[in-house]
Amino acid sequence: MKIFEYIDRINLMHKLIYNRKTGTPDEFAARLGIGRTRLYVIIDELKSKGAPIIYSKIGNTFYYEYPYSISLEYIMQPLNKKECVETNGGGFLLPFFFCERWESTLASVTLQC
């Protein structure tokens, strides 16, 4: 799923920028598995959200002008019965994929050889 790739890419970008270990724009883009143009699109998007990203020609690296933090994470886990009842939306798929009921059904499946 692309969303996970994007989150992982932003986290890696932050780590490299924070530690001033990005290298040149071409090296940075290659390390992220994207093109240079796409790199600058993402950097511009982060800048529009307030990230003080600057490039140093002397150090050949991107860095933050002042201390800045980016934290993106995703947590996926089954919902308990109370959360299933309280959740509004996804009513068709919810019981099958995200509730304990599905988990217990999976536990009782046996495969014959």
PDB file of N, CA and C in Angstrom:
ATOM      1  N   MET A   1       0.849  -1.174   0.000  1.00  0.00           N
ATOM      2  CA  MET A   1       0.000   0.000   0.000  1.00  0.00           C
ATOM      3  C   MET A   1       0.899   1.242   0.000  1.00  0.00           C
ATOM      4  N   LYS A   2       0.613   2.156  -0.877  1.00  0.00           N
ATOM      5  CA  LYS A   2       1.451   3.349  -1.051  1.00  0.00           C
ATOM      6  C   LYS A   2       1.533   4.222   0.200  1.00  0.00           C
ATOM      7  N   ILE A   3       0.474   4.293   0.973  1.00  0.00           N
ATOM      8  CA  ILE A   3       0.470   5.181   2.145  1.00  0.00           C
ATOM      9  C   ILE A   3       1.602   4.824   3.100  1.00  0.00           C
ATOM     10  N   PHE A   4       1.880   3.531   3.256  1.00  0.00           N
ATOM     11  CA  PHE A   4       2.951   3.108   4.152  1.00  0.00           C
ATOM     12  C   PHE A   4       4.316   3.519   3.593  1.00  0.00           C
ATOM     13  N   GLU A   5       4.471   3.423   2.280  1.00  0.00           N
ATOM     14  CA  GLU A   5       5.719   3.866   1.647  1.00  0.00           C
ATOM     15  C   GLU A   5       5.936   5.356   1.879  1.00  0.00           C
ATOM     16  N   TYR A   6       4.879   6.152   1.749  1.00  0.00           N
ATOM     17  CA  TYR A   6       4.989   7.596   1.942  1.00  0.00           C
ATOM     18  C   TYR A   6       5.383   7.932   3.378  1.00  0.00           C
ATOM     19  N   ILE A   7       4.748   7.280   4.329  1.00  0.00           N
ATOM     20  CA  ILE A   7       5.061   7.541   5.739  1.00  0.00           C
ATOM     21  C   ILE A   7       6.509   7.152   6.035  1.00  0.00           C
ATOM     22  N   ASP A   8       6.923   5.987   5.567  1.00  0.00           N
ATOM     23  CA  ASP A   8       8.302   5.547   5.785  1.00  0.00           C
ATOM     24  C   ASP A   8       9.294   6.500   5.118  1.00  0.00           C
ATOM     25  N   ARG A   9       8.948   6.985   3.930  1.00  0.00           N
ATOM     26  CA  ARG A   9       9.836   7.909   3.211  1.00  0.00           C
ATOM     27  C   ARG A   9       9.986   9.224   3.973  1.00  0.00           C
ATOM     28  N   ILE A  10       8.884   9.768   4.473  1.00  0.00           N
ATOM     29  CA  ILE A  10       8.951  11.025   5.232  1.00  0.00           C
ATOM     30  C   ILE A  10       9.777  10.832   6.500  1.00  0.00           C
ATOM     31  N   ASN A  11       9.586   9.711   7.180  1.00  0.00           N
ATOM     32  CA  ASN A  11      10.374   9.439   8.389  1.00  0.00           C
ATOM     33  C   ASN A  11      11.865   9.333   8.070  1.00  0.00           C
ATOM     34  N   LEU A  12      12.210   8.658   6.971  1.00  0.00           N
ATOM     35  CA  LEU A  12      13.615   8.550   6.574  1.00  0.00           C
ATOM     36  C   LEU A  12      14.164   9.920   6.186  1.00  0.00           C
ATOM     37  N   MET A  13      13.380  10.703   5.448  1.00  0.00           N
ATOM     38  CA  MET A  13      13.807  12.057   5.084  1.00  0.00           C
ATOM     39  C   MET A  13      14.125  12.869   6.327  1.00  0.00           C
ATOM     40  N   HIS A  14      13.218  12.823   7.301  1.00  0.00           N
ATOM     41  CA  HIS A  14      13.432  13.583   8.539  1.00  0.00           C
ATOM     42  C   HIS A  14      14.723  13.147   9.230  1.00  0.00           C
ATOM     43  N   LYS A  15      14.921  11.844   9.335  1.00  0.00           N
ATOM     44  CA  LYS A  15      16.119  11.327  10.007  1.00  0.00           C
ATOM     45  C   LYS A  15      17.391  11.821   9.316  1.00  0.00           C
ATOM     46  N   LEU A  16      17.416  11.747   7.996  1.00  0.00           N
ATOM     47  CA  LEU A  16      18.603  12.164   7.252  1.00  0.00           C
ATOM     48  C   LEU A  16      18.817  13.673   7.317  1.00  0.00           C
ATOM     49  N   ILE A  17      17.730  14.437   7.214  1.00  0.00           N
ATOM     50  CA  ILE A  17      17.850  15.898   7.308  1.00  0.00           C
ATOM     51  C   ILE A  17      18.289  16.295   8.713  1.00  0.00           C
ATOM     52  N   TYR A  18      17.672  15.702   9.725  1.00  0.00           N
ATOM     53  CA  TYR A  18      17.998  16.010  11.116  1.00  0.00           C
ATOM     54  C   TYR A  18      19.481  15.757  11.402  1.00  0.00           C
ATOM     55  N   ASN A  19      20.002  14.655  10.871  1.00  0.00           N
ATOM     56  CA  ASN A  19      21.407  14.285  11.104  1.00  0.00           C
ATOM     57  C   ASN A  19      22.366  14.891  10.083  1.00  0.00           C
ATOM     58  N   ARG A  20      21.838  15.698   9.171  1.00  0.00           N
ATOM     59  CA  ARG A  20      22.641  16.347   8.121  1.00  0.00           C
ATOM     60  C   ARG A  20      23.441  15.331   7.317  1.00  0.00           C
ATOM     61  N   LYS A  21      22.768  14.260   6.914  1.00  0.00           N
ATOM     62  CA  LYS A  21      23.425  13.189   6.159  1.00  0.00           C
ATOM     63  C   LYS A  21      22.673  12.874   4.870  1.00  0.00           C
ATOM     64  N   THR A  22      22.151  13.909   4.224  1.00  0.00           N
ATOM     65  CA  THR A  22      21.375  13.678   3.007  1.00  0.00           C
ATOM     66  C   THR A  22      22.251  13.535   1.774  1.00  0.00           C
ATOM     67  N   GLY A  23      23.397  14.178   1.766  1.00  0.00           N
ATOM     68  CA  GLY A  23      24.203  14.228   0.555  1.00  0.00           C
ATOM     69  C   GLY A  23      23.599  15.232  -0.412  1.00  0.00           C
ATOM     70  N   THR A  24      24.038  15.170  -1.649  1.00  0.00           N
ATOM     71  CA  THR A  24      23.527  16.084  -2.672  1.00  0.00           C
ATOM     72  C   THR A  24      22.064  15.751  -2.963  1.00  0.00           C
ATOM     73  N   PRO A  25      21.343  16.649  -3.614  1.00  0.00           N
ATOM     74  CA  PRO A  25      19.948  16.336  -3.960  1.00  0.00           C
ATOM     75  C   PRO A  25      19.810  15.043  -4.765  1.00  0.00           C
ATOM     76  N   ASP A  26      20.722  14.797  -5.699  1.00  0.00           N
ATOM     77  CA  ASP A  26      20.657  13.556  -6.481  1.00  0.00           C
ATOM     78  C   ASP A  26      20.883  12.325  -5.604  1.00  0.00           C
ATOM     79  N   GLU A  27      21.845  12.402  -4.692  1.00  0.00           N
ATOM     80  CA  GLU A  27      22.114  11.280  -3.779  1.00  0.00           C
ATOM     81  C   GLU A  27      20.938  11.060  -2.834  1.00  0.00           C
ATOM     82  N   PHE A  28      20.384  12.150  -2.337  1.00  0.00           N
ATOM     83  CA  PHE A  28      19.247  12.079  -1.418  1.00  0.00           C
ATOM     84  C   PHE A  28      18.054  11.432  -2.111  1.00  0.00           C
ATOM     85  N   ALA A  29      17.761  11.877  -3.316  1.00  0.00           N
ATOM     86  CA  ALA A  29      16.637  11.316  -4.071  1.00  0.00           C
ATOM     87  C   ALA A  29      16.855   9.825  -4.335  1.00  0.00           C
ATOM     88  N   ALA A  30      18.065   9.459  -4.719  1.00  0.00           N
ATOM     89  CA  ALA A  30      18.368   8.050  -4.986  1.00  0.00           C
ATOM     90  C   ALA A  30      18.206   7.210  -3.727  1.00  0.00           C
ATOM     91  N   ARG A  31      18.641   7.746  -2.615  1.00  0.00           N
ATOM     92  CA  ARG A  31      18.524   7.017  -1.346  1.00  0.00           C
ATOM     93  C   ARG A  31      17.066   6.780  -0.966  1.00  0.00           C
ATOM     94  N   LEU A  32      16.203   7.719  -1.344  1.00  0.00           N
ATOM     95  CA  LEU A  32      14.774   7.598  -1.050  1.00  0.00           C
ATOM     96  C   LEU A  32      14.027   6.807  -2.119  1.00  0.00           C
ATOM     97  N   GLY A  33      14.695   6.503  -3.216  1.00  0.00           N
ATOM     98  CA  GLY A  33      14.059   5.751  -4.294  1.00  0.00           C
ATOM     99  C   GLY A  33      13.103   6.588  -5.129  1.00  0.00           C
ATOM    100  N   ILE A  34      13.385   7.887  -5.235  1.00  0.00           N
ATOM    101  CA  ILE A  34      12.545   8.795  -6.010  1.00  0.00           C
ATOM    102  C   ILE A  34      13.440   9.656  -6.901  1.00  0.00           C
ATOM    103  N   GLY A  35      12.826  10.388  -7.800  1.00  0.00           N
ATOM    104  CA  GLY A  35      13.577  11.300  -8.651  1.00  0.00           C
ATOM    105  C   GLY A  35      13.834  12.622  -7.947  1.00  0.00           C
ATOM    106  N   ARG A  36      14.775  13.370  -8.503  1.00  0.00           N
ATOM    107  CA  ARG A  36      15.131  14.670  -7.925  1.00  0.00           C
ATOM    108  C   ARG A  36      13.941  15.633  -7.923  1.00  0.00           C
ATOM    109  N   THR A  37      13.174  15.641  -9.010  1.00  0.00           N
ATOM    110  CA  THR A  37      12.004  16.522  -9.082  1.00  0.00           C
ATOM    111  C   THR A  37      11.005  16.177  -7.991  1.00  0.00           C
ATOM    112  N   ARG A  38      10.741  14.882  -7.801  1.00  0.00           N
ATOM    113  CA  ARG A  38       9.807  14.439  -6.752  1.00  0.00           C
ATOM    114  C   ARG A  38      10.343  14.834  -5.378  1.00  0.00           C
ATOM    115  N   LEU A  39      11.649  14.729  -5.177  1.00  0.00           N
ATOM    116  CA  LEU A  39      12.258  15.132  -3.910  1.00  0.00           C
ATOM    117  C   LEU A  39      11.922  16.584  -3.603  1.00  0.00           C
ATOM    118  N   TYR A  40      12.097  17.449  -4.587  1.00  0.00           N
ATOM    119  CA  TYR A  40      11.822  18.870  -4.362  1.00  0.00           C
ATOM    120  C   TYR A  40      10.334  19.149  -4.155  1.00  0.00           C
ATOM    121  N   VAL A  41       9.473  18.355  -4.772  1.00  0.00           N
ATOM    122  CA  VAL A  41       8.030  18.502  -4.531  1.00  0.00           C
ATOM    123  C   VAL A  41       7.722  18.183  -3.069  1.00  0.00           C
ATOM    124  N   ILE A  42       8.305  17.100  -2.559  1.00  0.00           N
ATOM    125  CA  ILE A  42       8.072  16.714  -1.160  1.00  0.00           C
ATOM    126  C   ILE A  42       8.664  17.753  -0.214  1.00  0.00           C
ATOM    127  N   ILE A  43       9.868  18.226  -0.502  1.00  0.00           N
ATOM    128  CA  ILE A  43      10.495  19.245   0.345  1.00  0.00           C
ATOM    129  C   ILE A  43       9.644  20.509   0.362  1.00  0.00           C
ATOM    130  N   ASP A  44       9.143  20.923  -0.796  1.00  0.00           N
ATOM    131  CA  ASP A  44       8.268  22.105  -0.848  1.00  0.00           C
ATOM    132  C   ASP A  44       6.999  21.892  -0.032  1.00  0.00           C
ATOM    133  N   GLU A  45       6.452  20.678  -0.074  1.00  0.00           N
ATOM    134  CA  GLU A  45       5.257  20.369   0.721  1.00  0.00           C
ATOM    135  C   GLU A  45       5.578  20.452   2.211  1.00  0.00           C
ATOM    136  N   LEU A  46       6.712  19.899   2.618  1.00  0.00           N
ATOM    137  CA  LEU A  46       7.110  19.973   4.027  1.00  0.00           C
ATOM    138  C   LEU A  46       7.354  21.419   4.449  1.00  0.00           C
ATOM    139  N   LYS A  47       7.967  22.203   3.569  1.00  0.00           N
ATOM    140  CA  LYS A  47       8.189  23.622   3.867  1.00  0.00           C
ATOM    141  C   LYS A  47       6.865  24.357   4.028  1.00  0.00           C
ATOM    142  N   SER A  48       5.874  24.005   3.217  1.00  0.00           N
ATOM    143  CA  SER A  48       4.565  24.659   3.334  1.00  0.00           C
ATOM    144  C   SER A  48       3.888  24.322   4.657  1.00  0.00           C
ATOM    145  N   LYS A  49       4.312  23.223   5.278  1.00  0.00           N
ATOM    146  CA  LYS A  49       3.788  22.831   6.594  1.00  0.00           C
ATOM    147  C   LYS A  49       4.651  23.373   7.723  1.00  0.00           C
ATOM    148  N   GLY A  50       5.661  24.184   7.386  1.00  0.00           N
ATOM    149  CA  GLY A  50       6.471  24.827   8.416  1.00  0.00           C
ATOM    150  C   GLY A  50       7.851  24.255   8.639  1.00  0.00           C
ATOM    151  N   ALA A  51       8.227  23.220   7.900  1.00  0.00           N
ATOM    152  CA  ALA A  51       9.549  22.626   8.089  1.00  0.00           C
ATOM    153  C   ALA A  51      10.624  23.573   7.548  1.00  0.00           C
ATOM    154  N   PRO A  52      11.578  23.981   8.401  1.00  0.00           N
ATOM    155  CA  PRO A  52      12.613  24.943   7.992  1.00  0.00           C
ATOM    156  C   PRO A  52      13.796  24.259   7.296  1.00  0.00           C
ATOM    157  N   ILE A  53      13.544  23.656   6.149  1.00  0.00           N
ATOM    158  CA  ILE A  53      14.572  22.889   5.446  1.00  0.00           C
ATOM    159  C   ILE A  53      15.398  23.819   4.554  1.00  0.00           C
ATOM    160  N   ILE A  54      16.724  23.698   4.691  1.00  0.00           N
ATOM    161  CA  ILE A  54      17.664  24.512   3.921  1.00  0.00           C
ATOM    162  C   ILE A  54      18.722  23.574   3.342  1.00  0.00           C
ATOM    163  N   TYR A  55      19.270  23.948   2.196  1.00  0.00           N
ATOM    164  CA  TYR A  55      20.364  23.168   1.612  1.00  0.00           C
ATOM    165  C   TYR A  55      21.679  23.919   1.782  1.00  0.00           C
ATOM    166  N   SER A  56      22.703  23.210   2.226  1.00  0.00           N
ATOM    167  CA  SER A  56      24.039  23.787   2.378  1.00  0.00           C
ATOM    168  C   SER A  56      24.920  23.320   1.222  1.00  0.00           C
ATOM    169  N   LYS A  57      25.365  24.262   0.394  1.00  0.00           N
ATOM    170  CA  LYS A  57      26.268  23.909  -0.708  1.00  0.00           C
ATOM    171  C   LYS A  57      27.649  23.530  -0.180  1.00  0.00           C
ATOM    172  N   ILE A  58      28.032  24.111   0.940  1.00  0.00           N
ATOM    173  CA  ILE A  58      29.338  23.796   1.535  1.00  0.00           C
ATOM    174  C   ILE A  58      29.340  22.373   2.088  1.00  0.00           C
ATOM    175  N   GLY A  59      28.303  22.030   2.843  1.00  0.00           N
ATOM    176  CA  GLY A  59      28.221  20.704   3.446  1.00  0.00           C
ATOM    177  C   GLY A  59      27.581  19.661   2.555  1.00  0.00           C
ATOM    178  N   ASN A  60      27.052  20.073   1.403  1.00  0.00           N
ATOM    179  CA  ASN A  60      26.326  19.164   0.501  1.00  0.00           C
ATOM    180  C   ASN A  60      25.271  18.353   1.243  1.00  0.00           C
ATOM    181  N   THR A  61      24.424  19.046   1.984  1.00  0.00           N
ATOM    182  CA  THR A  61      23.370  18.367   2.727  1.00  0.00           C
ATOM    183  C   THR A  61      22.211  19.313   3.001  1.00  0.00           C
ATOM    184  N   PHE A  62      21.033  18.721   3.127  1.00  0.00           N
ATOM    185  CA  PHE A  62      19.885  19.477   3.616  1.00  0.00           C
ATOM    186  C   PHE A  62      19.947  19.442   5.131  1.00  0.00           C
ATOM    187  N   TYR A  63      19.424  20.478   5.769  1.00  0.00           N
ATOM    188  CA  TYR A  63      19.372  20.510   7.228  1.00  0.00           C
ATOM    189  C   TYR A  63      18.221  21.406   7.661  1.00  0.00           C
ATOM    190  N   TYR A  64      17.887  21.325   8.961  1.00  0.00           N
ATOM    191  CA  TYR A  64      16.852  22.191   9.528  1.00  0.00           C
ATOM    192  C   TYR A  64      17.516  23.470  10.031  1.00  0.00           C
ATOM    193  N   GLU A  65      16.933  24.610   9.683  1.00  0.00           N
ATOM    194  CA  GLU A  65      17.455  25.909  10.103  1.00  0.00           C
ATOM    195  C   GLU A  65      17.435  26.050  11.619  1.00  0.00           C
ATOM    196  N   TYR A  66      16.435  25.486  12.253  1.00  0.00           N
ATOM    197  CA  TYR A  66      16.325  25.467  13.712  1.00  0.00           C
ATOM    198  C   TYR A  66      15.699  24.139  14.105  1.00  0.00           C
ATOM    199  N   PRO A  67      15.800  23.744  15.383  1.00  0.00           N
ATOM    200  CA  PRO A  67      15.288  22.435  15.802  1.00  0.00           C
ATOM    201  C   PRO A  67      13.843  22.222  15.349  1.00  0.00           C
ATOM    202  N   TYR A  68      13.618  21.080  14.749  1.00  0.00           N
ATOM    203  CA  TYR A  68      12.308  20.763  14.185  1.00  0.00           C
ATOM    204  C   TYR A  68      12.112  19.258  14.252  1.00  0.00           C
ATOM    205  N   SER A  69      10.887  18.839  14.450  1.00  0.00           N
ATOM    206  CA  SER A  69      10.602  17.415  14.567  1.00  0.00           C
ATOM    207  C   SER A  69       9.426  17.031  13.680  1.00  0.00           C
ATOM    208  N   ILE A  70       9.539  15.878  13.067  1.00  0.00           N
ATOM    209  CA  ILE A  70       8.440  15.280  12.306  1.00  0.00           C
ATOM    210  C   ILE A  70       8.254  13.884  12.864  1.00  0.00           C
ATOM    211  N   SER A  71       7.032  13.544  13.193  1.00  0.00           N
ATOM    212  CA  SER A  71       6.755  12.213  13.711  1.00  0.00           C
ATOM    213  C   SER A  71       5.486  11.682  13.059  1.00  0.00           C
ATOM    214  N   LEU A  72       5.645  10.661  12.248  1.00  0.00           N
ATOM    215  CA  LEU A  72       4.511  10.005  11.606  1.00  0.00           C
ATOM    216  C   LEU A  72       4.584   8.526  11.949  1.00  0.00           C
ATOM    217  N   GLU A  73       3.472   7.971  12.340  1.00  0.00           N
ATOM    218  CA  GLU A  73       3.439   6.542  12.612  1.00  0.00           C
ATOM    219  C   GLU A  73       2.056   6.000  12.322  1.00  0.00           C
ATOM    220  N   TYR A  74       1.987   4.712  12.152  1.00  0.00           N
ATOM    221  CA  TYR A  74       0.714   4.051  11.949  1.00  0.00           C
ATOM    222  C   TYR A  74       0.669   2.832  12.856  1.00  0.00           C
ATOM    223  N   ILE A  75      -0.495   2.622  13.419  1.00  0.00           N
ATOM    224  CA  ILE A  75      -0.704   1.486  14.307  1.00  0.00           C
ATOM    225  C   ILE A  75      -1.907   0.724  13.780  1.00  0.00           C
ATOM    226  N   MET A  76      -1.725  -0.552  13.556  1.00  0.00           N
ATOM    227  CA  MET A  76      -2.819  -1.387  13.073  1.00  0.00           C
ATOM    228  C   MET A  76      -3.005  -2.527  14.059  1.00  0.00           C
ATOM    229  N   GLN A  77      -4.210  -2.641  14.557  1.00  0.00           N
ATOM    230  CA  GLN A  77      -4.506  -3.711  15.493  1.00  0.00           C
ATOM    231  C   GLN A  77      -6.002  -3.973  15.483  1.00  0.00           C
ATOM    232  N   PRO A  78      -6.421  -5.177  15.854  1.00  0.00           N
ATOM    233  CA  PRO A  78      -7.859  -5.457  15.908  1.00  0.00           C
ATOM    234  C   PRO A  78      -8.536  -4.590  16.970  1.00  0.00           C
ATOM    235  N   LEU A  79      -9.775  -4.229  16.711  1.00  0.00           N
ATOM    236  CA  LEU A  79     -10.557  -3.482  17.689  1.00  0.00           C
ATOM    237  C   LEU A  79     -11.179  -4.455  18.675  1.00  0.00           C
ATOM    238  N   ASN A  80     -11.332  -4.018  19.928  1.00  0.00           N
ATOM    239  CA  ASN A  80     -12.053  -4.863  20.870  1.00  0.00           C
ATOM    240  C   ASN A  80     -13.552  -4.664  20.645  1.00  0.00           C
ATOM    241  N   LYS A  81     -14.376  -5.439  21.329  1.00  0.00           N
ATOM    242  CA  LYS A  81     -15.827  -5.387  21.088  1.00  0.00           C
ATOM    243  C   LYS A  81     -16.407  -4.007  21.366  1.00  0.00           C
ATOM    244  N   LYS A  82     -15.924  -3.343  22.405  1.00  0.00           N
ATOM    245  CA  LYS A  82     -16.422  -2.010  22.734  1.00  0.00           C
ATOM    246  C   LYS A  82     -16.101  -1.028  21.611  1.00  0.00           C
ATOM    247  N   GLU A  83     -14.880  -1.087  21.093  1.00  0.00           N
ATOM    248  CA  GLU A  83     -14.488  -0.196  20.002  1.00  0.00           C
ATOM    249  C   GLU A  83     -15.290  -0.480  18.735  1.00  0.00           C
ATOM    250  N   CYS A  84     -15.623  -1.750  18.504  1.00  0.00           N
ATOM    251  CA  CYS A  84     -16.441  -2.100  17.335  1.00  0.00           C
ATOM    252  C   CYS A  84     -17.811  -1.450  17.417  1.00  0.00           C
ATOM    253  N   VAL A  85     -18.390  -1.457  18.603  1.00  0.00           N
ATOM    254  CA  VAL A  85     -19.717  -0.870  18.793  1.00  0.00           C
ATOM    255  C   VAL A  85     -19.650   0.645  18.675  1.00  0.00           C
ATOM    256  N   GLU A  86     -18.585   1.251  19.220  1.00  0.00           N
ATOM    257  CA  GLU A  86     -18.466   2.710  19.232  1.00  0.00           C
ATOM    258  C   GLU A  86     -18.001   3.290  17.898  1.00  0.00           C
ATOM    259  N   THR A  87     -17.406   2.474  17.052  1.00  0.00           N
ATOM    260  CA  THR A  87     -16.890   2.965  15.779  1.00  0.00           C
ATOM    261  C   THR A  87     -18.040   3.205  14.818  1.00  0.00           C
ATOM    262  N   ASN A  88     -18.018   4.379  14.195  1.00  0.00           N
ATOM    263  CA  ASN A  88     -19.055   4.738  13.239  1.00  0.00           C
ATOM    264  C   ASN A  88     -18.421   4.801  11.862  1.00  0.00           C
ATOM    265  N   GLY A  89     -18.796   3.906  11.003  1.00  0.00           N
ATOM    266  CA  GLY A  89     -18.248   3.886   9.648  1.00  0.00           C
ATOM    267  C   GLY A  89     -17.607   2.546   9.356  1.00  0.00           C
ATOM    268  N   GLY A  90     -17.616   2.155   8.099  1.00  0.00           N
ATOM    269  CA  GLY A  90     -17.036   0.879   7.701  1.00  0.00           C
ATOM    270  C   GLY A  90     -17.803  -0.294   8.252  1.00  0.00           C
ATOM    271  N   GLY A  91     -19.093  -0.124   8.455  1.00  0.00           N
ATOM    272  CA  GLY A  91     -19.914  -1.154   9.072  1.00  0.00           C
ATOM    273  C   GLY A  91     -19.903  -2.478   8.347  1.00  0.00           C
ATOM    274  N   PHE A  92     -19.736  -2.458   7.031  1.00  0.00           N
ATOM    275  CA  PHE A  92     -19.741  -3.709   6.286  1.00  0.00           C
ATOM    276  C   PHE A  92     -18.454  -4.502   6.505  1.00  0.00           C
ATOM    277  N   LEU A  93     -17.316  -3.844   6.440  1.00  0.00           N
ATOM    278  CA  LEU A  93     -16.035  -4.533   6.546  1.00  0.00           C
ATOM    279  C   LEU A  93     -15.552  -4.718   7.973  1.00  0.00           C
ATOM    280  N   LEU A  94     -15.980  -3.862   8.853  1.00  0.00           N
ATOM    281  CA  LEU A  94     -15.468  -3.864  10.215  1.00  0.00           C
ATOM    282  C   LEU A  94     -15.522  -5.227  10.888  1.00  0.00           C
ATOM    283  N   PRO A  95     -16.661  -5.917  10.900  1.00  0.00           N
ATOM    284  CA  PRO A  95     -16.697  -7.197  11.599  1.00  0.00           C
ATOM    285  C   PRO A  95     -15.756  -8.236  10.997  1.00  0.00           C
ATOM    286  N   PHE A  96     -15.491  -8.124   9.713  1.00  0.00           N
ATOM    287  CA  PHE A  96     -14.675  -9.136   9.061  1.00  0.00           C
ATOM    288  C   PHE A  96     -13.182  -8.921   9.218  1.00  0.00           C
ATOM    289  N   PHE A  97     -12.751  -7.686   9.311  1.00  0.00           N
ATOM    290  CA  PHE A  97     -11.318  -7.432   9.289  1.00  0.00           C
ATOM    291  C   PHE A  97     -10.727  -6.864  10.565  1.00  0.00           C
ATOM    292  N   PHE A  98     -11.494  -6.186  11.377  1.00  0.00           N
ATOM    293  CA  PHE A  98     -10.880  -5.436  12.465  1.00  0.00           C
ATOM    294  C   PHE A  98     -11.390  -5.777  13.860  1.00  0.00           C
ATOM    295  N   CYS A  99     -12.252  -6.719  14.006  1.00  0.00           N
ATOM    296  CA  CYS A  99     -12.801  -7.027  15.328  1.00  0.00           C
ATOM    297  C   CYS A  99     -12.274  -8.357  15.837  1.00  0.00           C
ATOM    298  N   GLU A 100     -12.396  -8.532  17.136  1.00  0.00           N
ATOM    299  CA  GLU A 100     -11.955  -9.768  17.769  1.00  0.00           C
ATOM    300  C   GLU A 100     -12.692 -10.977  17.204  1.00  0.00           C
ATOM    301  N   ARG A 101     -13.928 -10.763  16.753  1.00  0.00           N
ATOM    302  CA  ARG A 101     -14.705 -11.866  16.203  1.00  0.00           C
ATOM    303  C   ARG A 101     -13.961 -12.494  15.025  1.00  0.00           C
ATOM    304  N   TRP A 102     -13.383 -11.667  14.178  1.00  0.00           N
ATOM    305  CA  TRP A 102     -12.621 -12.170  13.037  1.00  0.00           C
ATOM    306  C   TRP A 102     -11.375 -12.905  13.513  1.00  0.00           C
ATOM    307  N   GLU A 103     -10.733 -12.346  14.527  1.00  0.00           N
ATOM    308  CA  GLU A 103      -9.519 -12.950  15.055  1.00  0.00           C
ATOM    309  C   GLU A 103      -9.814 -14.348  15.606  1.00  0.00           C
ATOM    310  N   SER A 104     -10.924 -14.496  16.324  1.00  0.00           N
ATOM    311  CA  SER A 104     -11.252 -15.806  16.878  1.00  0.00           C
ATOM    312  C   SER A 104     -11.637 -16.783  15.774  1.00  0.00           C
ATOM    313  N   THR A 105     -12.232 -16.297  14.684  1.00  0.00           N
ATOM    314  CA  THR A 105     -12.557 -17.165  13.563  1.00  0.00           C
ATOM    315  C   THR A 105     -11.273 -17.678  12.920  1.00  0.00           C
ATOM    316  N   LEU A 106     -10.295 -16.803  12.796  1.00  0.00           N
ATOM    317  CA  LEU A 106      -9.028 -17.223  12.217  1.00  0.00           C
ATOM    318  C   LEU A 106      -8.363 -18.294  13.069  1.00  0.00           C
ATOM    319  N   ALA A 107      -8.483 -18.179  14.366  1.00  0.00           N
ATOM    320  CA  ALA A 107      -7.831 -19.116  15.273  1.00  0.00           C
ATOM    321  C   ALA A 107      -8.419 -20.516  15.152  1.00  0.00           C
ATOM    322  N   SER A 108      -9.680 -20.626  14.698  1.00  0.00           N
ATOM    323  CA  SER A 108     -10.319 -21.934  14.644  1.00  0.00           C
ATOM    324  C   SER A 108     -10.210 -22.599  13.271  1.00  0.00           C
ATOM    325  N   VAL A 109      -9.549 -21.966  12.334  1.00  0.00           N
ATOM    326  CA  VAL A 109      -9.402 -22.538  10.995  1.00  0.00           C
ATOM    327  C   VAL A 109      -8.333 -23.622  11.024  1.00  0.00           C
ATOM    328  N   THR A 110      -8.650 -24.782  10.449  1.00  0.00           N
ATOM    329  CA  THR A 110      -7.667 -25.857  10.346  1.00  0.00           C
ATOM    330  C   THR A 110      -7.520 -26.241   8.883  1.00  0.00           C
ATOM    331  N   LEU A 111      -6.326 -26.525   8.488  1.00  0.00           N
ATOM    332  CA  LEU A 111      -6.054 -26.911   7.107  1.00  0.00           C
ATOM    333  C   LEU A 111      -5.693 -28.381   7.064  1.00  0.00           C
ATOM    334  N   GLN A 112      -6.272 -29.086   6.103  1.00  0.00           N
ATOM    335  CA  GLN A 112      -5.954 -30.499   5.950  1.00  0.00           C
ATOM    336  C   GLN A 112      -4.860 -30.658   4.912  1.00  0.00           C
ATOM    337  N   CYS A 113      -3.938 -31.559   5.193  1.00  0.00           N
ATOM    338  CA  CYS A 113      -2.827 -31.794   4.251  1.00  0.00           C
ATOM    339  C   CYS A 113      -3.158 -32.926   3.315  1.00  0.00           C
TER     340      CYS A 113
END
